[in-house]
Protein backbone atom coordinates (compact mmCIF):
# COMPACT_ATOMS: atom_id res chain seq x y z
CA MET A 1 0.00 0.00 0.00
CA LEU A 2 2.78 2.44 0.86
CA ASP A 3 4.62 1.68 -2.38
CA GLU A 4 1.54 2.45 -4.48
CA ARG A 5 1.05 5.86 -2.88
CA ALA A 6 4.77 6.65 -3.10
CA GLU A 7 4.59 6.10 -6.85
CA GLU A 8 1.98 8.86 -7.23
CA ILE A 9 4.63 11.59 -7.31
CA LYS A 10 5.91 12.01 -10.86
CA LEU A 11 9.59 12.84 -10.83
CA PRO A 12 11.38 14.53 -13.74
CA ASP A 13 13.50 12.30 -15.95
CA LYS A 14 16.74 12.65 -13.97
CA ILE A 15 18.95 10.25 -12.07
CA TYR A 16 19.74 12.47 -9.07
CA PHE A 17 17.92 15.32 -7.36
CA ARG A 18 19.19 18.07 -5.07
CA ILE A 19 17.82 18.47 -1.56
CA GLY A 20 15.77 21.54 -2.57
CA GLU A 21 14.07 19.57 -5.34
CA VAL A 22 13.36 16.66 -3.00
CA SER A 23 11.92 19.13 -0.52
CA GLU A 24 9.60 20.48 -3.23
CA PHE A 25 8.47 17.02 -4.38
CA THR A 26 7.84 15.68 -0.90
CA GLY A 27 6.76 18.78 1.01
CA ILE A 28 9.44 18.14 3.64
CA LYS A 29 11.76 20.96 4.65
CA PRO A 30 15.47 20.46 3.90
CA TYR A 31 16.43 20.59 7.60
CA VAL A 32 13.98 17.73 8.28
CA LEU A 33 15.50 15.72 5.43
CA ARG A 34 18.97 16.29 6.89
CA TYR A 35 17.70 15.17 10.32
CA TRP A 36 16.09 12.05 8.83
CA GLU A 37 19.45 11.18 7.26
CA SER A 38 20.84 10.85 10.78
CA GLU A 39 17.88 8.75 11.94
CA PHE A 40 17.17 6.45 8.99
CA GLN A 41 20.00 4.43 7.47
CA GLU A 42 17.87 3.99 4.34
CA ILE A 43 18.33 7.69 3.50
CA THR A 44 21.86 8.01 2.17
CA PRO A 45 22.26 10.73 -0.42
CA ILE A 46 25.40 10.96 -2.50
CA ARG A 47 27.51 13.97 -1.56
CA ARG A 48 29.25 15.82 -4.38
CA LYS A 49 30.83 19.23 -3.96
CA SER A 50 28.97 19.75 -0.66
CA GLN A 51 25.64 18.96 -2.38
CA ARG A 52 23.30 16.18 -1.35
CA LEU A 53 22.02 14.19 -4.32
CA TYR A 54 19.10 11.80 -3.86
CA ASP A 55 18.13 8.99 -6.23
CA ARG A 56 14.55 7.91 -6.99
CA GLU A 57 14.57 4.98 -4.59
CA THR A 58 15.65 7.23 -1.73
CA ILE A 59 12.92 9.74 -2.59
CA HIS A 60 10.30 6.97 -2.47
CA THR A 61 11.70 5.87 0.89
CA ILE A 62 11.40 9.45 2.14
CA ILE A 63 7.76 9.50 1.02
CA LYS A 64 7.13 6.22 2.89
CA ILE A 65 8.70 7.67 6.02
CA LYS A 66 6.60 10.82 5.70
CA GLN A 67 3.43 8.74 5.38
CA MET A 68 4.34 6.62 8.39
CA LEU A 69 5.19 9.61 10.58
CA TYR A 70 2.56 12.13 9.51
CA GLU A 71 -0.40 10.05 8.33
CA GLN A 72 -0.10 6.80 10.25
CA ASN A 73 1.27 8.42 13.45
CA PHE A 74 4.31 6.15 13.78
CA THR A 75 7.09 7.25 16.09
CA ILE A 76 10.54 7.54 14.55
CA ALA A 77 11.49 4.28 16.30
CA GLY A 78 8.35 2.61 14.96
CA ALA A 79 9.01 3.85 11.42
CA LYS A 80 12.61 2.58 11.62
CA LYS A 81 11.38 -0.83 12.73
CA LYS A 82 8.75 -1.00 9.98
CA LEU A 83 11.29 -0.01 7.29
CA ARG A 84 13.74 -2.64 8.56
CA GLU A 85 10.99 -5.27 8.43
CA GLU A 86 10.08 -4.25 4.86
CA MET A 87 13.74 -4.35 3.78
CA ASN A 88 14.18 -7.81 5.36
CA LYS A 89 11.04 -9.11 3.60
CA LYS A 90 12.33 -7.68 0.33
CA ARG A 91 15.74 -9.34 0.84
CA VAL A 92 14.15 -12.69 1.71
CA SER A 93 11.82 -12.44 -1.28
CA THR A 94 14.76 -11.67 -3.57
CA LYS A 95 16.74 -14.64 -2.21
CA VAL A 96 13.75 -16.96 -2.62
CA ASN A 97 13.31 -15.78 -6.23
CA GLU A 98 17.00 -16.36 -6.94
CA LEU A 99 16.82 -19.85 -5.43
CA LEU A 100 13.69 -20.70 -7.43
CA HIS A 101 15.40 -19.47 -10.60
CA GLU A 102 18.41 -21.71 -9.88
CA ILE A 103 16.12 -24.70 -9.27
CA LEU A 104 14.25 -24.02 -12.51
CA ASN A 105 17.51 -23.84 -14.47
CA GLU A 106 18.69 -27.08 -12.86
CA LEU A 107 15.43 -28.82 -13.75
CA LYS A 108 15.68 -27.55 -17.33
CA SER A 109 19.21 -28.91 -17.65
CA ILE A 110 18.12 -32.28 -16.20
CA ARG A 111 15.20 -32.38 -18.63
CA ALA A 112 17.50 -31.53 -21.53
CA GLY A 113 19.81 -34.35 -20.44
CA LEU A 114 16.91 -36.82 -20.50
CA GLU A 115 15.80 -35.92 -24.03
């Protein structure tokens, strides 16, 4: 559900966005974004020439955090825990998919050997 709503914001066709742009897109002040960087390990902008550059995935994570904190009334600790749980589920899901893909390839090679 959070992912669907995070996708509603249409971002320009760029790879990286400055903190001011992210602030505009998300409605979150730059000083709050900088604070969230210290609280959430999932927010890690690239720093170039003293500029913070955020990628699309990080912006969507910021939107999730905003929804959790402002709409769903999570505490910062609760939002951190929820994000960690989501990341762990995503990692497990990815590993399961990789394992299933390996099994499928193995079965295909066994089948090919039988023909």
